[in-house]
Amino acid sequence: MPFQLTVEEGRFLVRIARRDVEEYLKNRQTIPVPKDVSPELMKQCGVFVTLNTLHQGKKGLRGCIGFPYPTKPLIQAVIESAINSATKDPRFHPVSLGELDRILFEVSVLTPPQPVRVEKPAEYPSRIKVGQDGLIIERSHYKGLLLPQVPIEWSWEEEEFLCQCCMKAGLSPDSWLLKDTKIYRFSCVIAQEITPNGEINLVDMRKC
């Protein structure tokens, strides 16, 4: 059965992500996995927690780390990913406690990645859908991942999405055209704050 996430479960995940980061920044301690959570939140799922700064109505990335594959119970994966996004994203210095009032928390619950099958690499753009699919690109020991919401935010079409994912992996932009490059797609359900520590909405990218 496809994974289902209610609005209340999505709100709970975002709140637990924020609360855990705040606790960690204050005391360097993680909160335990809450008891009596929904059975759906104990299922193993891939997840990413994204932190965005909000300045004059514009968002800017502040951290994004997660688990692409379903290897941990969802609630545990969210707690770990939230702390890692705030403190271990190598692109940014660690988040400070004073920043939290200006940061939007976003939790993306992933569907299991599936290989994109084509007869020739030139067919890849026609096999993915911007606004629904996220991508993982692998070649040798290089790997890059972009969430489904990223090409929407940057107004990329499918071919540009593939090129950008290659660059995220540390590859040349046209590496998706090479025979031995592997491409996987996934979708997600996003629970996101509209304002810092404020209203939270739910977007099911699988239905977009």
N, C-alpha and C. Protein backbone atom coordinates (compact mmCIF):
# COMPACT_ATOMS: atom_id res chain seq x y z
N MET A 1 0.85 -1.20 0.00
CA MET A 1 0.00 0.00 0.00
C MET A 1 0.88 1.25 0.00
N PRO A 2 0.58 2.25 -0.87
CA PRO A 2 1.38 3.48 -0.90
C PRO A 2 1.37 4.18 0.46
N PHE A 3 2.48 4.83 0.76
CA PHE A 3 2.58 5.54 2.03
C PHE A 3 1.59 6.69 2.06
N GLN A 4 0.90 6.84 3.18
CA GLN A 4 -0.05 7.94 3.37
C GLN A 4 0.37 8.76 4.59
N LEU A 5 0.28 10.06 4.46
CA LEU A 5 0.63 10.96 5.55
C LEU A 5 -0.51 11.97 5.71
N THR A 6 -1.12 11.99 6.90
CA THR A 6 -2.19 12.95 7.13
C THR A 6 -1.60 14.33 7.42
N VAL A 7 -2.45 15.33 7.34
CA VAL A 7 -2.00 16.69 7.63
C VAL A 7 -1.47 16.77 9.06
N GLU A 8 -2.16 16.13 9.99
CA GLU A 8 -1.72 16.16 11.39
C GLU A 8 -0.39 15.46 11.57
N GLU A 9 -0.18 14.33 10.88
CA GLU A 9 1.11 13.64 10.97
C GLU A 9 2.22 14.50 10.38
N GLY A 10 1.94 15.18 9.26
CA GLY A 10 2.93 16.07 8.67
C GLY A 10 3.30 17.20 9.60
N ARG A 11 2.29 17.80 10.23
CA ARG A 11 2.55 18.88 11.18
C ARG A 11 3.38 18.38 12.36
N PHE A 12 3.07 17.18 12.82
CA PHE A 12 3.80 16.59 13.94
C PHE A 12 5.28 16.43 13.58
N LEU A 13 5.57 15.95 12.36
CA LEU A 13 6.96 15.73 11.95
C LEU A 13 7.73 17.05 11.90
N VAL A 14 7.10 18.08 11.38
CA VAL A 14 7.79 19.38 11.30
C VAL A 14 8.04 19.93 12.70
N ARG A 15 7.05 19.82 13.57
CA ARG A 15 7.22 20.33 14.94
C ARG A 15 8.29 19.56 15.69
N ILE A 16 8.34 18.24 15.49
CA ILE A 16 9.36 17.44 16.20
C ILE A 16 10.75 17.78 15.65
N ALA A 17 10.84 18.08 14.35
CA ALA A 17 12.13 18.46 13.76
C ALA A 17 12.61 19.78 14.37
N ARG A 18 11.72 20.75 14.45
CA ARG A 18 12.10 22.05 15.04
C ARG A 18 12.45 21.89 16.52
N ARG A 19 11.62 21.16 17.26
CA ARG A 19 11.86 21.00 18.69
C ARG A 19 13.19 20.30 18.95
N ASP A 20 13.51 19.32 18.12
CA ASP A 20 14.74 18.57 18.32
C ASP A 20 15.96 19.43 18.04
N VAL A 21 15.91 20.23 16.99
CA VAL A 21 17.04 21.12 16.69
C VAL A 21 17.22 22.14 17.83
N GLU A 22 16.12 22.69 18.30
CA GLU A 22 16.21 23.66 19.39
C GLU A 22 16.82 23.03 20.65
N GLU A 23 16.38 21.83 20.97
CA GLU A 23 16.92 21.14 22.15
C GLU A 23 18.40 20.84 21.97
N TYR A 24 18.78 20.43 20.77
CA TYR A 24 20.17 20.10 20.52
C TYR A 24 21.06 21.35 20.61
N LEU A 25 20.58 22.45 20.05
CA LEU A 25 21.38 23.67 20.09
C LEU A 25 21.50 24.23 21.51
N LYS A 26 20.49 24.00 22.33
CA LYS A 26 20.53 24.47 23.71
C LYS A 26 21.40 23.58 24.60
N ASN A 27 21.22 22.26 24.49
CA ASN A 27 21.82 21.34 25.45
C ASN A 27 22.71 20.25 24.85
N ARG A 28 22.84 20.26 23.51
CA ARG A 28 23.61 19.21 22.82
C ARG A 28 23.06 17.82 23.14
N GLN A 29 21.76 17.74 23.28
CA GLN A 29 21.08 16.46 23.51
C GLN A 29 19.96 16.28 22.50
N THR A 30 19.73 15.04 22.11
CA THR A 30 18.61 14.75 21.21
C THR A 30 17.42 14.26 22.02
N ILE A 31 16.24 14.60 21.58
CA ILE A 31 15.04 14.11 22.26
C ILE A 31 14.81 12.66 21.86
N PRO A 32 14.29 11.84 22.76
CA PRO A 32 14.01 10.44 22.41
C PRO A 32 12.85 10.35 21.44
N VAL A 33 12.77 9.24 20.72
CA VAL A 33 11.62 9.00 19.84
C VAL A 33 10.36 8.98 20.69
N PRO A 34 9.38 9.82 20.38
CA PRO A 34 8.17 9.87 21.21
C PRO A 34 7.43 8.52 21.23
N LYS A 35 6.79 8.25 22.37
CA LYS A 35 6.00 7.03 22.49
C LYS A 35 4.61 7.28 21.92
N ASP A 36 3.95 6.19 21.56
CA ASP A 36 2.56 6.25 21.09
C ASP A 36 2.39 7.13 19.85
N VAL A 37 3.40 7.15 18.97
CA VAL A 37 3.21 7.88 17.71
C VAL A 37 2.40 7.01 16.75
N SER A 38 1.88 7.61 15.71
CA SER A 38 1.11 6.89 14.71
C SER A 38 1.93 5.74 14.12
N PRO A 39 1.32 4.57 13.92
CA PRO A 39 2.05 3.45 13.29
C PRO A 39 2.65 3.84 11.94
N GLU A 40 2.01 4.77 11.23
CA GLU A 40 2.52 5.21 9.94
C GLU A 40 3.89 5.86 10.09
N LEU A 41 4.11 6.53 11.22
CA LEU A 41 5.37 7.24 11.43
C LEU A 41 6.48 6.31 11.91
N MET A 42 6.14 5.06 12.19
CA MET A 42 7.14 4.06 12.57
C MET A 42 7.57 3.21 11.38
N LYS A 43 6.95 3.44 10.23
CA LYS A 43 7.35 2.71 9.02
C LYS A 43 8.69 3.25 8.53
N GLN A 44 9.48 2.38 7.92
CA GLN A 44 10.76 2.82 7.37
C GLN A 44 10.52 3.61 6.09
N CYS A 45 11.06 4.83 6.07
CA CYS A 45 10.89 5.71 4.91
C CYS A 45 12.16 6.54 4.72
N GLY A 46 12.44 6.86 3.47
CA GLY A 46 13.46 7.87 3.21
C GLY A 46 12.90 9.23 3.56
N VAL A 47 13.77 10.14 3.98
CA VAL A 47 13.29 11.47 4.36
C VAL A 47 14.44 12.47 4.27
N PHE A 48 14.11 13.72 3.94
CA PHE A 48 15.06 14.82 4.00
C PHE A 48 14.43 15.94 4.81
N VAL A 49 15.24 16.59 5.63
CA VAL A 49 14.80 17.79 6.34
C VAL A 49 15.56 18.97 5.75
N THR A 50 14.80 19.95 5.28
CA THR A 50 15.38 21.15 4.66
C THR A 50 15.13 22.35 5.56
N LEU A 51 16.16 23.15 5.75
CA LEU A 51 16.05 24.40 6.50
C LEU A 51 16.26 25.55 5.52
N ASN A 52 15.33 26.49 5.51
CA ASN A 52 15.44 27.68 4.66
C ASN A 52 15.36 28.94 5.51
N THR A 53 16.25 29.88 5.27
CA THR A 53 16.12 31.17 5.92
C THR A 53 15.03 31.97 5.21
N LEU A 54 14.36 32.82 5.94
CA LEU A 54 13.33 33.69 5.36
C LEU A 54 13.75 35.13 5.58
N HIS A 55 14.00 35.83 4.47
CA HIS A 55 14.44 37.23 4.56
C HIS A 55 13.69 38.04 3.52
N GLN A 56 12.91 39.01 3.99
CA GLN A 56 12.12 39.88 3.12
C GLN A 56 11.26 39.06 2.15
N GLY A 57 10.68 37.99 2.68
CA GLY A 57 9.78 37.17 1.90
C GLY A 57 10.44 36.18 0.97
N LYS A 58 11.78 36.15 0.93
CA LYS A 58 12.49 35.22 0.04
C LYS A 58 13.18 34.14 0.85
N LYS A 59 13.15 32.92 0.31
CA LYS A 59 13.78 31.79 0.98
C LYS A 59 15.21 31.58 0.48
N GLY A 60 16.08 31.17 1.39
CA GLY A 60 17.44 30.82 1.04
C GLY A 60 17.84 29.55 1.77
N LEU A 61 18.44 28.62 1.07
CA LEU A 61 18.80 27.34 1.67
C LEU A 61 19.78 27.53 2.82
N ARG A 62 19.51 26.85 3.94
CA ARG A 62 20.38 26.92 5.13
C ARG A 62 20.89 25.55 5.55
N GLY A 63 20.31 24.49 4.99
CA GLY A 63 20.75 23.14 5.32
C GLY A 63 19.77 22.13 4.77
N CYS A 64 20.29 21.00 4.30
CA CYS A 64 19.41 19.94 3.80
C CYS A 64 20.17 18.62 3.82
N ILE A 65 19.74 17.70 4.69
CA ILE A 65 20.37 16.39 4.81
C ILE A 65 19.27 15.38 5.12
N GLY A 66 19.47 14.15 4.68
CA GLY A 66 18.48 13.12 4.97
C GLY A 66 18.93 11.74 4.56
N PHE A 67 17.97 10.86 4.45
CA PHE A 67 18.19 9.47 4.10
C PHE A 67 17.42 9.15 2.82
N PRO A 68 18.10 8.92 1.69
CA PRO A 68 17.39 8.67 0.44
C PRO A 68 16.58 7.38 0.43
N TYR A 69 17.02 6.40 1.20
CA TYR A 69 16.38 5.08 1.17
C TYR A 69 15.71 4.77 2.50
N PRO A 70 14.70 3.92 2.48
CA PRO A 70 13.95 3.59 3.71
C PRO A 70 14.73 2.64 4.62
N THR A 71 15.63 3.18 5.42
CA THR A 71 16.48 2.36 6.28
C THR A 71 16.19 2.55 7.76
N LYS A 72 15.37 3.54 8.11
CA LYS A 72 15.06 3.82 9.51
C LYS A 72 13.57 4.13 9.66
N PRO A 73 13.00 3.92 10.87
CA PRO A 73 11.64 4.39 11.11
C PRO A 73 11.55 5.90 10.81
N LEU A 74 10.48 6.32 10.19
CA LEU A 74 10.35 7.70 9.73
C LEU A 74 10.62 8.72 10.85
N ILE A 75 10.02 8.53 12.01
CA ILE A 75 10.17 9.51 13.09
C ILE A 75 11.63 9.62 13.52
N GLN A 76 12.34 8.50 13.57
CA GLN A 76 13.75 8.53 13.94
C GLN A 76 14.58 9.21 12.85
N ALA A 77 14.26 8.91 11.60
CA ALA A 77 14.99 9.52 10.49
C ALA A 77 14.80 11.04 10.47
N VAL A 78 13.61 11.51 10.82
CA VAL A 78 13.35 12.95 10.86
C VAL A 78 14.18 13.60 11.96
N ILE A 79 14.20 13.00 13.14
CA ILE A 79 14.97 13.56 14.25
C ILE A 79 16.45 13.67 13.90
N GLU A 80 17.01 12.60 13.33
CA GLU A 80 18.43 12.61 12.98
C GLU A 80 18.72 13.59 11.84
N SER A 81 17.85 13.61 10.85
CA SER A 81 18.07 14.49 9.69
C SER A 81 17.97 15.95 10.08
N ALA A 82 17.06 16.28 11.00
CA ALA A 82 16.90 17.67 11.42
C ALA A 82 18.18 18.19 12.07
N ILE A 83 18.74 17.42 12.98
CA ILE A 83 19.97 17.83 13.65
C ILE A 83 21.12 17.92 12.65
N ASN A 84 21.22 16.94 11.77
CA ASN A 84 22.30 16.95 10.79
C ASN A 84 22.18 18.14 9.83
N SER A 85 20.96 18.47 9.44
CA SER A 85 20.76 19.62 8.54
C SER A 85 21.19 20.91 9.21
N ALA A 86 20.93 21.01 10.50
CA ALA A 86 21.27 22.23 11.23
C ALA A 86 22.74 22.33 11.59
N THR A 87 23.42 21.20 11.72
CA THR A 87 24.78 21.24 12.27
C THR A 87 25.86 20.59 11.41
N LYS A 88 25.47 19.79 10.40
CA LYS A 88 26.49 19.01 9.69
C LYS A 88 26.47 19.17 8.17
N ASP A 89 25.64 20.05 7.65
CA ASP A 89 25.66 20.27 6.20
C ASP A 89 26.98 20.97 5.86
N PRO A 90 27.86 20.33 5.07
CA PRO A 90 29.18 20.89 4.83
C PRO A 90 29.17 22.20 4.03
N ARG A 91 28.04 22.55 3.45
CA ARG A 91 27.95 23.78 2.66
C ARG A 91 27.77 25.03 3.53
N PHE A 92 27.42 24.82 4.81
CA PHE A 92 27.08 25.94 5.67
C PHE A 92 27.73 25.79 7.04
N HIS A 93 27.91 26.90 7.72
CA HIS A 93 28.33 26.81 9.12
C HIS A 93 27.10 26.41 9.95
N PRO A 94 27.29 25.81 11.12
CA PRO A 94 26.15 25.33 11.92
C PRO A 94 25.16 26.44 12.25
N VAL A 95 23.90 26.07 12.30
CA VAL A 95 22.85 27.01 12.67
C VAL A 95 23.03 27.41 14.14
N SER A 96 22.76 28.67 14.45
CA SER A 96 22.80 29.12 15.84
C SER A 96 21.39 29.18 16.39
N LEU A 97 21.28 29.14 17.69
CA LEU A 97 19.97 29.17 18.34
C LEU A 97 19.21 30.45 17.98
N GLY A 98 19.93 31.54 17.85
CA GLY A 98 19.28 32.81 17.55
C GLY A 98 18.69 32.89 16.15
N GLU A 99 19.10 31.97 15.26
CA GLU A 99 18.59 31.97 13.90
C GLU A 99 17.22 31.31 13.75
N LEU A 100 16.83 30.50 14.70
CA LEU A 100 15.66 29.64 14.51
C LEU A 100 14.38 30.42 14.22
N ASP A 101 14.27 31.63 14.74
CA ASP A 101 13.07 32.43 14.49
C ASP A 101 13.00 32.93 13.05
N ARG A 102 14.07 32.73 12.29
CA ARG A 102 14.09 33.16 10.89
C ARG A 102 14.20 31.99 9.92
N ILE A 103 14.04 30.76 10.44
CA ILE A 103 14.23 29.57 9.62
C ILE A 103 12.91 28.82 9.46
N LEU A 104 12.66 28.41 8.22
CA LEU A 104 11.51 27.56 7.89
C LEU A 104 11.96 26.11 7.89
N PHE A 105 11.19 25.24 8.55
CA PHE A 105 11.47 23.80 8.56
C PHE A 105 10.58 23.11 7.53
N GLU A 106 11.19 22.17 6.81
CA GLU A 106 10.48 21.44 5.76
C GLU A 106 10.89 19.97 5.83
N VAL A 107 9.91 19.07 5.88
CA VAL A 107 10.17 17.63 5.93
C VAL A 107 9.62 16.99 4.67
N SER A 108 10.49 16.32 3.91
CA SER A 108 10.08 15.63 2.69
C SER A 108 10.17 14.12 2.92
N VAL A 109 9.03 13.44 2.90
CA VAL A 109 8.99 11.99 3.08
C VAL A 109 9.01 11.34 1.70
N LEU A 110 10.03 10.53 1.44
CA LEU A 110 10.30 10.03 0.09
C LEU A 110 9.65 8.68 -0.19
N THR A 111 9.24 8.50 -1.45
CA THR A 111 8.90 7.16 -1.93
C THR A 111 10.21 6.45 -2.26
N PRO A 112 10.25 5.12 -2.25
CA PRO A 112 11.48 4.40 -2.57
C PRO A 112 11.97 4.73 -3.98
N PRO A 113 13.24 5.06 -4.16
CA PRO A 113 13.76 5.36 -5.49
C PRO A 113 13.64 4.16 -6.43
N GLN A 114 13.28 4.43 -7.67
CA GLN A 114 13.12 3.40 -8.69
C GLN A 114 13.97 3.77 -9.91
N PRO A 115 14.62 2.78 -10.54
CA PRO A 115 15.44 3.09 -11.72
C PRO A 115 14.58 3.60 -12.88
N VAL A 116 15.11 4.57 -13.58
CA VAL A 116 14.46 5.06 -14.80
C VAL A 116 15.01 4.23 -15.96
N ARG A 117 14.15 3.48 -16.60
CA ARG A 117 14.59 2.54 -17.64
C ARG A 117 14.36 3.14 -19.03
N VAL A 118 15.42 3.18 -19.82
CA VAL A 118 15.35 3.69 -21.19
C VAL A 118 16.18 2.79 -22.10
N GLU A 119 15.90 2.85 -23.39
CA GLU A 119 16.71 2.11 -24.36
C GLU A 119 17.98 2.89 -24.70
N LYS A 120 17.89 4.22 -24.68
CA LYS A 120 19.07 5.06 -24.92
C LYS A 120 18.97 6.30 -24.03
N PRO A 121 20.11 6.81 -23.55
CA PRO A 121 20.09 7.92 -22.59
C PRO A 121 19.32 9.15 -23.05
N ALA A 122 19.27 9.42 -24.35
CA ALA A 122 18.56 10.60 -24.83
C ALA A 122 17.08 10.60 -24.47
N GLU A 123 16.56 9.43 -24.06
CA GLU A 123 15.15 9.32 -23.71
C GLU A 123 14.86 9.77 -22.28
N TYR A 124 15.89 9.99 -21.47
CA TYR A 124 15.66 10.31 -20.05
C TYR A 124 14.72 11.51 -19.83
N PRO A 125 14.90 12.63 -20.57
CA PRO A 125 14.00 13.76 -20.30
C PRO A 125 12.52 13.44 -20.48
N SER A 126 12.21 12.51 -21.37
CA SER A 126 10.80 12.15 -21.59
C SER A 126 10.28 11.16 -20.57
N ARG A 127 11.17 10.65 -19.72
CA ARG A 127 10.76 9.63 -18.73
C ARG A 127 10.63 10.21 -17.32
N ILE A 128 10.94 11.49 -17.16
CA ILE A 128 10.80 12.10 -15.85
C ILE A 128 9.82 13.27 -15.94
N LYS A 129 9.27 13.66 -14.82
CA LYS A 129 8.28 14.73 -14.79
C LYS A 129 8.66 15.76 -13.74
N VAL A 130 8.99 16.95 -14.19
CA VAL A 130 9.28 18.04 -13.27
C VAL A 130 8.00 18.37 -12.50
N GLY A 131 8.15 18.55 -11.19
CA GLY A 131 7.00 18.82 -10.34
C GLY A 131 6.47 17.59 -9.65
N GLN A 132 6.98 16.44 -10.06
CA GLN A 132 6.56 15.19 -9.42
C GLN A 132 7.77 14.35 -9.01
N ASP A 133 8.76 14.27 -9.87
CA ASP A 133 9.91 13.40 -9.63
C ASP A 133 11.08 14.14 -9.00
N GLY A 134 11.74 13.46 -8.06
CA GLY A 134 13.07 13.82 -7.63
C GLY A 134 14.03 12.89 -8.34
N LEU A 135 15.31 13.22 -8.35
CA LEU A 135 16.29 12.42 -9.08
C LEU A 135 17.49 12.05 -8.21
N ILE A 136 17.99 10.85 -8.46
CA ILE A 136 19.29 10.43 -7.95
C ILE A 136 20.10 10.00 -9.16
N ILE A 137 21.30 10.53 -9.28
CA ILE A 137 22.20 10.15 -10.38
C ILE A 137 23.45 9.54 -9.80
N GLU A 138 23.84 8.38 -10.34
CA GLU A 138 25.02 7.67 -9.87
C GLU A 138 25.93 7.35 -11.06
N ARG A 139 27.20 7.58 -10.87
CA ARG A 139 28.20 7.16 -11.85
C ARG A 139 29.49 6.90 -11.11
N SER A 140 29.97 5.66 -11.19
CA SER A 140 31.14 5.24 -10.43
C SER A 140 30.86 5.52 -8.95
N HIS A 141 31.74 6.25 -8.27
CA HIS A 141 31.52 6.53 -6.86
C HIS A 141 30.87 7.90 -6.65
N TYR A 142 30.43 8.53 -7.73
CA TYR A 142 29.76 9.83 -7.63
C TYR A 142 28.26 9.63 -7.50
N LYS A 143 27.64 10.46 -6.67
CA LYS A 143 26.19 10.36 -6.48
C LYS A 143 25.63 11.74 -6.14
N GLY A 144 24.51 12.08 -6.77
CA GLY A 144 23.84 13.34 -6.49
C GLY A 144 22.34 13.15 -6.39
N LEU A 145 21.70 13.93 -5.53
CA LEU A 145 20.25 13.85 -5.33
C LEU A 145 19.66 15.26 -5.31
N LEU A 146 18.54 15.42 -6.00
CA LEU A 146 17.76 16.66 -5.92
C LEU A 146 16.31 16.30 -5.67
N LEU A 147 15.69 16.98 -4.72
CA LEU A 147 14.31 16.74 -4.35
C LEU A 147 13.36 17.26 -5.42
N PRO A 148 12.12 16.75 -5.48
CA PRO A 148 11.17 17.17 -6.54
C PRO A 148 10.86 18.65 -6.55
N GLN A 149 10.94 19.32 -5.40
CA GLN A 149 10.60 20.73 -5.34
C GLN A 149 11.68 21.64 -5.91
N VAL A 150 12.91 21.12 -6.04
CA VAL A 150 14.02 21.97 -6.48
C VAL A 150 13.84 22.51 -7.90
N PRO A 151 13.53 21.67 -8.90
CA PRO A 151 13.38 22.23 -10.25
C PRO A 151 12.22 23.20 -10.38
N ILE A 152 11.21 23.07 -9.51
CA ILE A 152 10.10 24.02 -9.53
C ILE A 152 10.59 25.38 -9.05
N GLU A 153 11.37 25.37 -7.95
CA GLU A 153 11.87 26.62 -7.38
C GLU A 153 12.78 27.36 -8.35
N TRP A 154 13.51 26.60 -9.20
CA TRP A 154 14.47 27.21 -10.12
C TRP A 154 13.96 27.29 -11.55
N SER A 155 12.73 26.85 -11.79
CA SER A 155 12.10 26.89 -13.13
C SER A 155 12.91 26.11 -14.15
N TRP A 156 13.37 24.93 -13.76
CA TRP A 156 14.10 24.06 -14.68
C TRP A 156 13.14 23.16 -15.44
N GLU A 157 13.46 22.90 -16.70
CA GLU A 157 12.79 21.85 -17.45
C GLU A 157 13.57 20.55 -17.24
N GLU A 158 13.06 19.46 -17.84
CA GLU A 158 13.60 18.13 -17.53
C GLU A 158 15.10 18.00 -17.83
N GLU A 159 15.52 18.48 -18.98
CA GLU A 159 16.93 18.33 -19.36
C GLU A 159 17.84 19.11 -18.41
N GLU A 160 17.43 20.32 -18.05
CA GLU A 160 18.22 21.11 -17.10
C GLU A 160 18.26 20.44 -15.74
N PHE A 161 17.16 19.83 -15.34
CA PHE A 161 17.09 19.09 -14.08
C PHE A 161 18.13 17.98 -14.05
N LEU A 162 18.22 17.23 -15.14
CA LEU A 162 19.21 16.16 -15.23
C LEU A 162 20.63 16.73 -15.16
N CYS A 163 20.89 17.81 -15.86
CA CYS A 163 22.22 18.42 -15.85
C CYS A 163 22.59 18.91 -14.45
N GLN A 164 21.64 19.55 -13.77
CA GLN A 164 21.91 20.08 -12.44
C GLN A 164 22.15 18.95 -11.44
N CYS A 165 21.44 17.84 -11.60
CA CYS A 165 21.65 16.71 -10.70
C CYS A 165 23.03 16.10 -10.93
N CYS A 166 23.48 16.08 -12.18
CA CYS A 166 24.84 15.60 -12.47
C CYS A 166 25.87 16.49 -11.77
N MET A 167 25.68 17.79 -11.84
CA MET A 167 26.62 18.71 -11.19
C MET A 167 26.58 18.57 -9.68
N LYS A 168 25.39 18.29 -9.14
CA LYS A 168 25.29 18.04 -7.70
C LYS A 168 26.13 16.84 -7.30
N ALA A 169 26.25 15.87 -8.21
CA ALA A 169 27.05 14.67 -7.96
C ALA A 169 28.55 14.90 -8.17
N GLY A 170 28.91 16.09 -8.66
CA GLY A 170 30.31 16.36 -8.96
C GLY A 170 30.72 15.90 -10.34
N LEU A 171 29.74 15.69 -11.22
CA LEU A 171 29.98 15.23 -12.58
C LEU A 171 29.78 16.39 -13.55
N SER A 172 30.21 16.20 -14.79
CA SER A 172 29.93 17.20 -15.82
C SER A 172 28.44 17.18 -16.14
N PRO A 173 27.87 18.31 -16.58
CA PRO A 173 26.42 18.40 -16.77
C PRO A 173 25.83 17.37 -17.71
N ASP A 174 26.59 16.94 -18.72
CA ASP A 174 26.05 16.00 -19.70
C ASP A 174 26.32 14.53 -19.36
N SER A 175 26.70 14.25 -18.13
CA SER A 175 27.03 12.87 -17.75
C SER A 175 25.82 11.94 -17.80
N TRP A 176 24.60 12.50 -17.75
CA TRP A 176 23.41 11.65 -17.84
C TRP A 176 23.28 11.00 -19.20
N LEU A 177 24.03 11.51 -20.19
CA LEU A 177 23.98 10.94 -21.54
C LEU A 177 24.96 9.78 -21.72
N LEU A 178 25.81 9.55 -20.72
CA LEU A 178 26.79 8.47 -20.81
C LEU A 178 26.16 7.13 -20.44
N LYS A 179 26.61 6.10 -21.12
CA LYS A 179 25.96 4.79 -21.03
C LYS A 179 25.89 4.23 -19.62
N ASP A 180 26.94 4.35 -18.84
CA ASP A 180 27.00 3.69 -17.54
C ASP A 180 26.45 4.54 -16.39
N THR A 181 25.88 5.69 -16.68
CA THR A 181 25.28 6.51 -15.63
C THR A 181 23.92 5.92 -15.25
N LYS A 182 23.68 5.81 -13.96
CA LYS A 182 22.41 5.27 -13.46
C LYS A 182 21.55 6.41 -12.94
N ILE A 183 20.27 6.37 -13.29
CA ILE A 183 19.34 7.42 -12.88
C ILE A 183 18.13 6.78 -12.21
N TYR A 184 17.79 7.32 -11.04
CA TYR A 184 16.64 6.85 -10.27
C TYR A 184 15.70 8.02 -10.03
N ARG A 185 14.42 7.73 -9.92
CA ARG A 185 13.46 8.78 -9.60
C ARG A 185 12.65 8.38 -8.37
N PHE A 186 12.13 9.38 -7.70
CA PHE A 186 11.29 9.17 -6.52
C PHE A 186 10.36 10.37 -6.42
N SER A 187 9.39 10.28 -5.57
CA SER A 187 8.54 11.43 -5.30
C SER A 187 8.49 11.63 -3.78
N CYS A 188 7.66 12.53 -3.31
CA CYS A 188 7.63 12.76 -1.88
C CYS A 188 6.35 13.48 -1.45
N VAL A 189 6.11 13.41 -0.15
CA VAL A 189 5.08 14.22 0.49
C VAL A 189 5.82 15.25 1.35
N ILE A 190 5.48 16.52 1.17
CA ILE A 190 6.21 17.60 1.84
C ILE A 190 5.33 18.23 2.91
N ALA A 191 5.85 18.31 4.12
CA ALA A 191 5.22 19.09 5.19
C ALA A 191 6.13 20.28 5.44
N GLN A 192 5.59 21.49 5.34
CA GLN A 192 6.47 22.67 5.39
C GLN A 192 5.81 23.81 6.14
N GLU A 193 6.67 24.55 6.85
CA GLU A 193 6.21 25.76 7.54
C GLU A 193 6.00 26.88 6.51
N ILE A 194 4.92 27.62 6.68
CA ILE A 194 4.68 28.80 5.84
C ILE A 194 5.39 30.01 6.44
N THR A 195 5.41 30.07 7.77
CA THR A 195 6.17 31.07 8.51
C THR A 195 6.96 30.33 9.59
N PRO A 196 8.10 30.87 10.02
CA PRO A 196 8.89 30.18 11.04
C PRO A 196 8.07 29.87 12.29
N ASN A 197 8.03 28.60 12.65
CA ASN A 197 7.30 28.12 13.83
C ASN A 197 5.82 28.47 13.76
N GLY A 198 5.31 28.59 12.52
CA GLY A 198 3.91 28.96 12.33
C GLY A 198 3.12 27.91 11.60
N GLU A 199 2.25 28.36 10.70
CA GLU A 199 1.36 27.45 9.97
C GLU A 199 2.15 26.46 9.14
N ILE A 200 1.63 25.22 9.06
CA ILE A 200 2.29 24.13 8.33
C ILE A 200 1.30 23.57 7.32
N ASN A 201 1.74 23.43 6.07
CA ASN A 201 0.85 22.78 5.09
C ASN A 201 1.48 21.52 4.54
N LEU A 202 0.68 20.76 3.81
CA LEU A 202 1.10 19.46 3.28
C LEU A 202 0.92 19.48 1.77
N VAL A 203 1.96 19.07 1.05
CA VAL A 203 1.92 18.99 -0.41
C VAL A 203 2.32 17.58 -0.82
N ASP A 204 1.44 16.89 -1.54
CA ASP A 204 1.73 15.54 -2.03
C ASP A 204 2.22 15.65 -3.47
N MET A 205 3.54 15.58 -3.67
CA MET A 205 4.11 15.72 -5.00
C MET A 205 3.73 14.55 -5.91
N ARG A 206 3.30 13.45 -5.33
CA ARG A 206 2.90 12.31 -6.14
C ARG A 206 1.66 12.62 -6.96
N LYS A 207 0.90 13.62 -6.53
CA LYS A 207 -0.37 13.95 -7.20
C LYS A 207 -0.24 15.21 -8.07
N CYS A 208 0.94 15.77 -8.14
CA CYS A 208 1.11 17.01 -8.92
C CYS A 208 1.20 16.71 -10.41
